[in-house]
Every structure is written in C-alpha cells, then in structure tokens.
Amino acid sequence: NLDAGAGFKVSMMSIGFNHQSNGRSQPYSRSWNRLVGQVGIERGDFALVIRPWLRFAEKASKDDNPDIANYLGRGDLHLVRRSGSHQFSLVLLHSLRGGGNSHGGLQLDYAFPIAGDLRGHLQWFSGYGESLIDYNHRANYLGLGVSLLEWY
C-alpha cells in the first residue's frame, strides 16, 4: 500500500490488455480491444477504482463498431462504501466527449447478507453499454441476484 495523502492508501495498480467480444458473427458481431489502466485507493470503509482505457484501432473495413468508445466510454470510476456487512457501489462511465458523442452509464449496486456467506444483490443500470450487442442504445435494467462471495 502506498500513501496517497489525507489518509488514502493506493491499494492496487495495474495495466493490461482487454479483449471483449460477444462471439457472434456479422451482422451481430461486437468486439473491441483496449489497453486498460487501473488505480485503486482506499480510506476506511471507502474504496475508489479509476480505470481509464485506450481503444486499439481496427482496420476500417473490419471494425464492426467504430463508435463504441463514444458509448462505452474511455474510462470509468467505481466507488464502493462498506457499512458493516452491507455494501453500496456506484459505477460511472463516460465517453469524455461532448455534443452528439457524449454518452455514458450509471450503475448502482447494493449487496446484503442473507445467511452465512450467501449474499443478495440488487442492481440498477441506466445508460449505454450494458451489453455489447446494443451498446449504442440507451437502456435501463433492474436486477436481483445472489452470490457466494464478497466482492469488495
């Protein structure tokens, strides 16, 4: 852990290659390759992960979604707050562009104990990029699920 000042600690840093694809053929194929940086900082019950990325350009004749970065963004912020055994999370992503290329998304999560290690999750997403197939269509989703692990 590195001291980031004001009681914040840098808990992790990484850089990596990310390939994301839906595995479908044309006209439903969607994929992109990115170089993703990541920095996580923590203070008490709060954690913040900052992830900027850079899309690798593809040949224009082969690119099945040339405007994907204008919808799925060029980075995201993930803020997590723990309160006892409850967890609250906010993810913000944005294209970092203006005008007609200004798009993004917001995801709110709430994780809560059910029994033992079993946890419930409530999630709401609003914006662009919840799925690759319709990355350029604004959507709202509400989800409810369970998990066997704590993620934060």
N, C-alpha and C. Protein backbone atom coordinates (compact mmCIF):
# COMPACT_ATOMS: atom_id res chain seq x y z
N ASN A 1 0.84 -1.20 0.00
CA ASN A 1 0.00 0.00 0.00
C ASN A 1 0.87 1.25 0.00
N LEU A 2 0.60 2.15 -0.90
CA LEU A 2 1.30 3.42 -0.98
C LEU A 2 0.45 4.50 -0.34
N ASP A 3 1.09 5.43 0.37
CA ASP A 3 0.37 6.54 0.98
C ASP A 3 0.05 7.57 -0.09
N ALA A 4 -1.26 7.87 -0.26
CA ALA A 4 -1.70 8.86 -1.25
C ALA A 4 -2.03 10.19 -0.59
N GLY A 5 -1.81 10.31 0.71
CA GLY A 5 -2.10 11.54 1.44
C GLY A 5 -3.53 11.58 1.94
N ALA A 6 -3.76 12.41 2.95
CA ALA A 6 -5.09 12.63 3.54
C ALA A 6 -5.74 11.33 4.00
N GLY A 7 -4.93 10.35 4.41
CA GLY A 7 -5.48 9.09 4.90
C GLY A 7 -5.82 8.08 3.83
N PHE A 8 -5.59 8.41 2.57
CA PHE A 8 -5.87 7.48 1.46
C PHE A 8 -4.65 6.62 1.19
N LYS A 9 -4.88 5.38 0.87
CA LYS A 9 -3.83 4.43 0.52
C LYS A 9 -4.09 3.88 -0.87
N VAL A 10 -3.05 3.84 -1.71
CA VAL A 10 -3.17 3.20 -3.02
C VAL A 10 -3.07 1.70 -2.77
N SER A 11 -4.14 0.97 -3.01
CA SER A 11 -4.20 -0.46 -2.70
C SER A 11 -3.84 -1.34 -3.88
N MET A 12 -3.92 -0.81 -5.10
CA MET A 12 -3.55 -1.60 -6.28
C MET A 12 -3.41 -0.71 -7.49
N MET A 13 -2.55 -1.16 -8.39
CA MET A 13 -2.36 -0.51 -9.69
C MET A 13 -2.12 -1.62 -10.70
N SER A 14 -2.66 -1.43 -11.89
CA SER A 14 -2.43 -2.44 -12.92
C SER A 14 -2.58 -1.80 -14.30
N ILE A 15 -2.05 -2.49 -15.28
CA ILE A 15 -2.24 -2.12 -16.67
C ILE A 15 -2.35 -3.43 -17.43
N GLY A 16 -3.26 -3.50 -18.37
CA GLY A 16 -3.45 -4.75 -19.08
C GLY A 16 -4.18 -4.59 -20.40
N PHE A 17 -4.14 -5.64 -21.16
CA PHE A 17 -4.84 -5.73 -22.44
C PHE A 17 -6.18 -6.39 -22.19
N ASN A 18 -7.25 -5.82 -22.76
CA ASN A 18 -8.59 -6.34 -22.58
C ASN A 18 -9.24 -6.54 -23.95
N HIS A 19 -9.67 -7.76 -24.21
CA HIS A 19 -10.44 -8.06 -25.42
C HIS A 19 -11.85 -8.43 -24.97
N GLN A 20 -12.82 -7.78 -25.55
CA GLN A 20 -14.21 -8.05 -25.21
C GLN A 20 -14.96 -8.34 -26.50
N SER A 21 -15.69 -9.46 -26.52
CA SER A 21 -16.41 -9.86 -27.72
C SER A 21 -17.68 -10.58 -27.31
N ASN A 22 -18.70 -10.48 -28.16
CA ASN A 22 -19.92 -11.24 -27.89
C ASN A 22 -19.91 -12.59 -28.61
N GLY A 23 -18.86 -12.87 -29.41
CA GLY A 23 -18.72 -14.17 -30.05
C GLY A 23 -19.70 -14.46 -31.17
N ARG A 24 -20.36 -13.46 -31.67
CA ARG A 24 -21.36 -13.66 -32.72
C ARG A 24 -20.77 -13.29 -34.08
N SER A 25 -21.41 -13.77 -35.15
CA SER A 25 -20.97 -13.43 -36.50
C SER A 25 -21.76 -12.21 -36.99
N GLN A 26 -21.32 -11.64 -38.11
CA GLN A 26 -21.99 -10.46 -38.67
C GLN A 26 -23.43 -10.81 -39.03
N PRO A 27 -24.37 -9.96 -38.89
CA PRO A 27 -24.25 -8.55 -38.54
C PRO A 27 -24.32 -8.30 -37.04
N TYR A 28 -24.26 -9.33 -36.21
CA TYR A 28 -24.41 -9.17 -34.76
C TYR A 28 -23.10 -9.19 -34.00
N SER A 29 -21.98 -9.22 -34.72
CA SER A 29 -20.67 -9.25 -34.08
C SER A 29 -20.36 -7.91 -33.43
N ARG A 30 -19.85 -7.96 -32.21
CA ARG A 30 -19.39 -6.77 -31.50
C ARG A 30 -18.12 -7.17 -30.75
N SER A 31 -17.05 -6.39 -30.93
CA SER A 31 -15.82 -6.63 -30.19
C SER A 31 -14.98 -5.38 -30.19
N TRP A 32 -14.06 -5.33 -29.22
CA TRP A 32 -13.07 -4.27 -29.18
C TRP A 32 -11.92 -4.69 -28.32
N ASN A 33 -10.77 -4.05 -28.56
CA ASN A 33 -9.55 -4.31 -27.81
C ASN A 33 -9.12 -3.01 -27.15
N ARG A 34 -8.71 -3.12 -25.87
CA ARG A 34 -8.34 -1.92 -25.13
C ARG A 34 -7.09 -2.15 -24.29
N LEU A 35 -6.37 -1.08 -24.05
CA LEU A 35 -5.32 -1.03 -23.05
C LEU A 35 -5.96 -0.35 -21.85
N VAL A 36 -6.03 -1.06 -20.73
CA VAL A 36 -6.76 -0.57 -19.56
C VAL A 36 -5.79 -0.36 -18.40
N GLY A 37 -5.78 0.86 -17.86
CA GLY A 37 -5.04 1.15 -16.64
C GLY A 37 -6.01 1.13 -15.47
N GLN A 38 -5.49 0.88 -14.28
CA GLN A 38 -6.37 0.80 -13.12
C GLN A 38 -5.60 1.22 -11.87
N VAL A 39 -6.22 2.09 -11.08
CA VAL A 39 -5.65 2.50 -9.80
C VAL A 39 -6.77 2.42 -8.77
N GLY A 40 -6.49 1.75 -7.67
CA GLY A 40 -7.46 1.64 -6.59
C GLY A 40 -6.93 2.31 -5.33
N ILE A 41 -7.75 3.15 -4.72
CA ILE A 41 -7.37 3.79 -3.46
C ILE A 41 -8.44 3.49 -2.42
N GLU A 42 -8.00 3.45 -1.17
CA GLU A 42 -8.92 3.12 -0.06
C GLU A 42 -8.70 4.07 1.11
N ARG A 43 -9.75 4.26 1.85
CA ARG A 43 -9.69 5.00 3.11
C ARG A 43 -10.86 4.54 3.96
N GLY A 44 -10.56 3.88 5.06
CA GLY A 44 -11.62 3.38 5.93
C GLY A 44 -12.55 2.44 5.19
N ASP A 45 -13.83 2.75 5.18
CA ASP A 45 -14.85 1.91 4.54
C ASP A 45 -15.11 2.30 3.08
N PHE A 46 -14.27 3.17 2.51
CA PHE A 46 -14.45 3.60 1.13
C PHE A 46 -13.33 3.06 0.24
N ALA A 47 -13.67 2.72 -0.98
CA ALA A 47 -12.69 2.34 -1.99
C ALA A 47 -13.10 3.00 -3.30
N LEU A 48 -12.12 3.45 -4.05
CA LEU A 48 -12.35 4.07 -5.35
C LEU A 48 -11.39 3.44 -6.35
N VAL A 49 -11.93 2.98 -7.47
CA VAL A 49 -11.11 2.44 -8.55
C VAL A 49 -11.33 3.33 -9.77
N ILE A 50 -10.23 3.80 -10.32
CA ILE A 50 -10.25 4.65 -11.52
C ILE A 50 -9.65 3.83 -12.65
N ARG A 51 -10.42 3.70 -13.76
CA ARG A 51 -9.96 2.88 -14.89
C ARG A 51 -10.07 3.67 -16.20
N PRO A 52 -8.99 4.29 -16.64
CA PRO A 52 -9.00 4.85 -18.00
C PRO A 52 -8.59 3.77 -19.00
N TRP A 53 -9.07 3.89 -20.24
CA TRP A 53 -8.64 2.94 -21.25
C TRP A 53 -8.50 3.62 -22.60
N LEU A 54 -7.74 2.94 -23.47
CA LEU A 54 -7.49 3.41 -24.82
C LEU A 54 -7.83 2.28 -25.76
N ARG A 55 -8.73 2.56 -26.69
CA ARG A 55 -9.13 1.54 -27.65
C ARG A 55 -8.08 1.41 -28.74
N PHE A 56 -7.74 0.18 -29.09
CA PHE A 56 -6.86 -0.07 -30.22
C PHE A 56 -7.69 0.02 -31.50
N ALA A 57 -7.22 0.80 -32.44
CA ALA A 57 -7.94 0.97 -33.71
C ALA A 57 -7.88 -0.32 -34.52
N GLU A 58 -8.95 -0.60 -35.24
CA GLU A 58 -9.01 -1.74 -36.14
C GLU A 58 -9.06 -1.21 -37.57
N LYS A 59 -8.81 -2.08 -38.54
CA LYS A 59 -8.96 -1.67 -39.93
C LYS A 59 -10.41 -1.26 -40.15
N ALA A 60 -10.60 -0.14 -40.81
CA ALA A 60 -11.96 0.40 -41.02
C ALA A 60 -12.87 -0.63 -41.66
N SER A 61 -12.37 -1.43 -42.59
CA SER A 61 -13.21 -2.42 -43.27
C SER A 61 -13.58 -3.59 -42.35
N LYS A 62 -12.85 -3.75 -41.23
CA LYS A 62 -13.08 -4.88 -40.33
C LYS A 62 -13.77 -4.48 -39.03
N ASP A 63 -13.87 -3.18 -38.77
CA ASP A 63 -14.40 -2.68 -37.50
C ASP A 63 -15.93 -2.77 -37.50
N ASP A 64 -16.49 -3.63 -36.64
CA ASP A 64 -17.94 -3.81 -36.61
C ASP A 64 -18.64 -2.84 -35.66
N ASN A 65 -17.91 -1.98 -34.99
CA ASN A 65 -18.50 -0.98 -34.12
C ASN A 65 -17.51 0.19 -33.91
N PRO A 66 -17.29 0.98 -34.96
CA PRO A 66 -16.28 2.03 -34.89
C PRO A 66 -16.56 3.13 -33.86
N ASP A 67 -17.80 3.30 -33.45
CA ASP A 67 -18.16 4.35 -32.50
C ASP A 67 -18.32 3.85 -31.07
N ILE A 68 -17.86 2.65 -30.77
CA ILE A 68 -18.12 2.04 -29.46
C ILE A 68 -17.58 2.87 -28.30
N ALA A 69 -16.42 3.50 -28.46
CA ALA A 69 -15.85 4.31 -27.37
C ALA A 69 -16.73 5.52 -27.05
N ASN A 70 -17.51 5.99 -28.04
CA ASN A 70 -18.42 7.11 -27.77
C ASN A 70 -19.65 6.69 -26.96
N TYR A 71 -19.83 5.40 -26.77
CA TYR A 71 -20.95 4.89 -25.97
C TYR A 71 -20.47 4.19 -24.70
N LEU A 72 -19.49 3.31 -24.82
CA LEU A 72 -18.97 2.58 -23.66
C LEU A 72 -17.91 3.37 -22.91
N GLY A 73 -17.52 4.47 -23.46
CA GLY A 73 -16.64 5.37 -22.75
C GLY A 73 -15.17 5.17 -22.99
N ARG A 74 -14.42 5.98 -22.28
CA ARG A 74 -12.97 5.94 -22.32
C ARG A 74 -12.41 5.78 -20.92
N GLY A 75 -13.29 5.42 -20.01
CA GLY A 75 -12.88 5.18 -18.63
C GLY A 75 -14.09 5.09 -17.73
N ASP A 76 -13.85 4.60 -16.52
CA ASP A 76 -14.92 4.58 -15.53
C ASP A 76 -14.38 4.80 -14.13
N LEU A 77 -15.28 5.14 -13.24
CA LEU A 77 -15.00 5.30 -11.82
C LEU A 77 -15.89 4.34 -11.06
N HIS A 78 -15.33 3.66 -10.08
CA HIS A 78 -16.09 2.70 -9.29
C HIS A 78 -15.87 3.05 -7.82
N LEU A 79 -16.91 3.48 -7.15
CA LEU A 79 -16.86 3.86 -5.74
C LEU A 79 -17.63 2.83 -4.92
N VAL A 80 -16.99 2.33 -3.87
CA VAL A 80 -17.61 1.32 -3.01
C VAL A 80 -17.59 1.83 -1.57
N ARG A 81 -18.69 1.64 -0.88
CA ARG A 81 -18.82 2.00 0.55
C ARG A 81 -19.32 0.78 1.30
N ARG A 82 -18.57 0.37 2.30
CA ARG A 82 -18.99 -0.73 3.17
C ARG A 82 -19.60 -0.15 4.43
N SER A 83 -20.67 -0.74 4.88
CA SER A 83 -21.30 -0.36 6.14
C SER A 83 -21.67 -1.66 6.85
N GLY A 84 -20.80 -2.11 7.75
CA GLY A 84 -21.00 -3.41 8.38
C GLY A 84 -20.90 -4.49 7.32
N SER A 85 -21.93 -5.32 7.21
CA SER A 85 -21.94 -6.39 6.21
C SER A 85 -22.70 -5.98 4.94
N HIS A 86 -23.02 -4.71 4.82
CA HIS A 86 -23.71 -4.19 3.64
C HIS A 86 -22.70 -3.43 2.76
N GLN A 87 -22.90 -3.50 1.45
CA GLN A 87 -22.02 -2.81 0.52
C GLN A 87 -22.84 -2.02 -0.49
N PHE A 88 -22.40 -0.79 -0.74
CA PHE A 88 -23.03 0.08 -1.70
C PHE A 88 -21.98 0.44 -2.75
N SER A 89 -22.39 0.44 -4.01
CA SER A 89 -21.43 0.65 -5.08
C SER A 89 -22.04 1.55 -6.15
N LEU A 90 -21.19 2.41 -6.72
CA LEU A 90 -21.58 3.30 -7.81
C LEU A 90 -20.52 3.18 -8.89
N VAL A 91 -20.95 2.94 -10.13
CA VAL A 91 -20.04 2.92 -11.28
C VAL A 91 -20.53 3.98 -12.26
N LEU A 92 -19.60 4.84 -12.67
CA LEU A 92 -19.89 5.87 -13.66
C LEU A 92 -18.96 5.65 -14.84
N LEU A 93 -19.51 5.65 -16.06
CA LEU A 93 -18.67 5.59 -17.24
C LEU A 93 -19.12 6.68 -18.20
N HIS A 94 -18.15 7.19 -18.98
CA HIS A 94 -18.49 8.27 -19.90
C HIS A 94 -17.54 8.28 -21.08
N SER A 95 -18.03 8.81 -22.20
CA SER A 95 -17.24 8.88 -23.43
C SER A 95 -16.15 9.95 -23.35
N LEU A 96 -16.26 10.88 -22.43
CA LEU A 96 -15.35 12.01 -22.31
C LEU A 96 -15.33 12.85 -23.59
N ARG A 97 -16.47 12.92 -24.23
CA ARG A 97 -16.65 13.73 -25.43
C ARG A 97 -17.91 14.57 -25.23
N GLY A 98 -18.04 15.61 -26.03
CA GLY A 98 -19.21 16.47 -25.94
C GLY A 98 -20.14 16.29 -27.12
N GLY A 99 -21.20 17.07 -27.14
CA GLY A 99 -22.16 17.06 -28.24
C GLY A 99 -22.82 15.73 -28.44
N GLY A 100 -22.95 15.33 -29.71
CA GLY A 100 -23.62 14.08 -30.05
C GLY A 100 -22.84 12.84 -29.66
N ASN A 101 -21.58 13.00 -29.26
CA ASN A 101 -20.77 11.85 -28.82
C ASN A 101 -20.69 11.73 -27.31
N SER A 102 -21.48 12.52 -26.60
CA SER A 102 -21.48 12.49 -25.14
C SER A 102 -22.49 11.44 -24.65
N HIS A 103 -21.96 10.28 -24.25
CA HIS A 103 -22.79 9.19 -23.74
C HIS A 103 -22.11 8.58 -22.52
N GLY A 104 -22.85 7.85 -21.75
CA GLY A 104 -22.28 7.20 -20.59
C GLY A 104 -23.28 6.28 -19.92
N GLY A 105 -22.94 5.89 -18.73
CA GLY A 105 -23.81 5.00 -17.98
C GLY A 105 -23.59 5.16 -16.49
N LEU A 106 -24.57 4.68 -15.74
CA LEU A 106 -24.56 4.74 -14.28
C LEU A 106 -25.06 3.39 -13.78
N GLN A 107 -24.34 2.82 -12.83
CA GLN A 107 -24.78 1.56 -12.23
C GLN A 107 -24.71 1.69 -10.72
N LEU A 108 -25.80 1.35 -10.05
CA LEU A 108 -25.87 1.33 -8.59
C LEU A 108 -26.06 -0.10 -8.13
N ASP A 109 -25.30 -0.51 -7.12
CA ASP A 109 -25.40 -1.85 -6.57
C ASP A 109 -25.56 -1.79 -5.06
N TYR A 110 -26.31 -2.74 -4.54
CA TYR A 110 -26.45 -2.91 -3.10
C TYR A 110 -26.31 -4.40 -2.82
N ALA A 111 -25.35 -4.76 -1.97
CA ALA A 111 -25.15 -6.16 -1.58
C ALA A 111 -25.45 -6.28 -0.09
N PHE A 112 -26.15 -7.34 0.27
CA PHE A 112 -26.61 -7.50 1.64
C PHE A 112 -26.54 -8.97 2.05
N PRO A 113 -26.36 -9.23 3.35
CA PRO A 113 -26.29 -10.62 3.81
C PRO A 113 -27.66 -11.28 3.80
N ILE A 114 -27.65 -12.57 3.44
CA ILE A 114 -28.88 -13.37 3.52
C ILE A 114 -28.74 -14.39 4.64
N ALA A 115 -27.75 -15.28 4.50
CA ALA A 115 -27.47 -16.30 5.53
C ALA A 115 -26.06 -16.81 5.31
N GLY A 116 -25.26 -16.84 6.36
CA GLY A 116 -23.88 -17.31 6.22
C GLY A 116 -23.14 -16.46 5.20
N ASP A 117 -22.49 -17.12 4.23
CA ASP A 117 -21.78 -16.40 3.18
C ASP A 117 -22.67 -16.04 1.99
N LEU A 118 -23.92 -16.46 2.00
CA LEU A 118 -24.84 -16.15 0.91
C LEU A 118 -25.25 -14.68 0.99
N ARG A 119 -25.10 -13.99 -0.14
CA ARG A 119 -25.39 -12.56 -0.19
C ARG A 119 -26.38 -12.25 -1.30
N GLY A 120 -27.24 -11.31 -1.05
CA GLY A 120 -28.16 -10.83 -2.07
C GLY A 120 -27.60 -9.59 -2.75
N HIS A 121 -28.00 -9.38 -3.99
CA HIS A 121 -27.54 -8.21 -4.75
C HIS A 121 -28.73 -7.58 -5.47
N LEU A 122 -28.80 -6.29 -5.38
CA LEU A 122 -29.77 -5.50 -6.12
C LEU A 122 -28.96 -4.54 -6.98
N GLN A 123 -29.28 -4.48 -8.28
CA GLN A 123 -28.50 -3.66 -9.21
C GLN A 123 -29.43 -2.90 -10.14
N TRP A 124 -29.09 -1.63 -10.37
CA TRP A 124 -29.79 -0.80 -11.34
C TRP A 124 -28.77 -0.20 -12.28
N PHE A 125 -29.01 -0.29 -13.58
CA PHE A 125 -28.15 0.28 -14.61
C PHE A 125 -28.99 1.19 -15.49
N SER A 126 -28.43 2.35 -15.83
CA SER A 126 -29.08 3.26 -16.76
C SER A 126 -28.02 3.89 -17.65
N GLY A 127 -28.20 3.77 -18.95
CA GLY A 127 -27.26 4.39 -19.88
C GLY A 127 -26.94 3.49 -21.05
N TYR A 128 -25.74 3.66 -21.55
CA TYR A 128 -25.27 2.92 -22.72
C TYR A 128 -24.23 1.89 -22.30
N GLY A 129 -24.18 0.79 -23.03
CA GLY A 129 -23.11 -0.18 -22.84
C GLY A 129 -23.34 -1.27 -21.85
N GLU A 130 -24.55 -1.51 -21.43
CA GLU A 130 -24.79 -2.62 -20.50
C GLU A 130 -24.51 -3.94 -21.19
N SER A 131 -24.71 -4.01 -22.49
CA SER A 131 -24.36 -5.21 -23.25
C SER A 131 -23.70 -4.77 -24.56
N LEU A 132 -22.88 -5.65 -25.13
CA LEU A 132 -22.19 -5.31 -26.37
C LEU A 132 -23.12 -5.25 -27.57
N ILE A 133 -24.11 -6.12 -27.65
CA ILE A 133 -24.94 -6.20 -28.84
C ILE A 133 -25.72 -4.90 -29.07
N ASP A 134 -26.13 -4.24 -28.01
CA ASP A 134 -26.88 -2.99 -28.17
C ASP A 134 -26.19 -1.84 -27.45
N TYR A 135 -24.85 -1.79 -27.56
CA TYR A 135 -24.05 -0.78 -26.87
C TYR A 135 -24.49 0.65 -27.19
N ASN A 136 -25.07 0.88 -28.36
CA ASN A 136 -25.44 2.23 -28.79
C ASN A 136 -26.92 2.54 -28.58
N HIS A 137 -27.58 1.76 -27.75
CA HIS A 137 -28.99 2.02 -27.40
C HIS A 137 -29.09 2.24 -25.89
N ARG A 138 -29.72 3.34 -25.51
CA ARG A 138 -29.90 3.64 -24.09
C ARG A 138 -30.85 2.62 -23.48
N ALA A 139 -30.49 2.15 -22.28
CA ALA A 139 -31.31 1.12 -21.63
C ALA A 139 -31.34 1.36 -20.12
N ASN A 140 -32.36 0.80 -19.49
CA ASN A 140 -32.49 0.77 -18.04
C ASN A 140 -32.75 -0.66 -17.63
N TYR A 141 -31.99 -1.16 -16.67
CA TYR A 141 -32.14 -2.53 -16.19
C TYR A 141 -32.16 -2.55 -14.68
N LEU A 142 -32.96 -3.44 -14.14
CA LEU A 142 -33.00 -3.68 -12.71
C LEU A 142 -32.77 -5.18 -12.52
N GLY A 143 -31.84 -5.52 -11.64
CA GLY A 143 -31.54 -6.93 -11.43
C GLY A 143 -31.50 -7.29 -9.96
N LEU A 144 -31.79 -8.55 -9.68
CA LEU A 144 -31.74 -9.09 -8.34
C LEU A 144 -31.06 -10.45 -8.43
N GLY A 145 -30.09 -10.70 -7.55
CA GLY A 145 -29.38 -11.98 -7.62
C GLY A 145 -28.75 -12.34 -6.29
N VAL A 146 -28.03 -13.43 -6.29
CA VAL A 146 -27.32 -13.91 -5.10
C VAL A 146 -25.88 -14.25 -5.47
N SER A 147 -25.00 -14.23 -4.48
CA SER A 147 -23.62 -14.64 -4.69
C SER A 147 -23.13 -15.38 -3.45
N LEU A 148 -22.08 -16.14 -3.64
CA LEU A 148 -21.48 -16.91 -2.56
C LEU A 148 -20.24 -16.23 -1.99
N LEU A 149 -19.80 -15.15 -2.61
CA LEU A 149 -18.58 -14.45 -2.22
C LEU A 149 -18.83 -12.96 -2.02
N GLU A 150 -18.01 -12.35 -1.17
CA GLU A 150 -17.99 -10.90 -1.09
C GLU A 150 -17.00 -10.40 -2.12
N TRP A 151 -17.38 -9.42 -2.92
CA TRP A 151 -16.51 -8.93 -3.98
C TRP A 151 -15.64 -7.79 -3.53
N TYR A 152 -16.00 -7.07 -2.48
CA TYR A 152 -15.23 -5.89 -2.05
C TYR A 152 -14.73 -6.08 -0.65
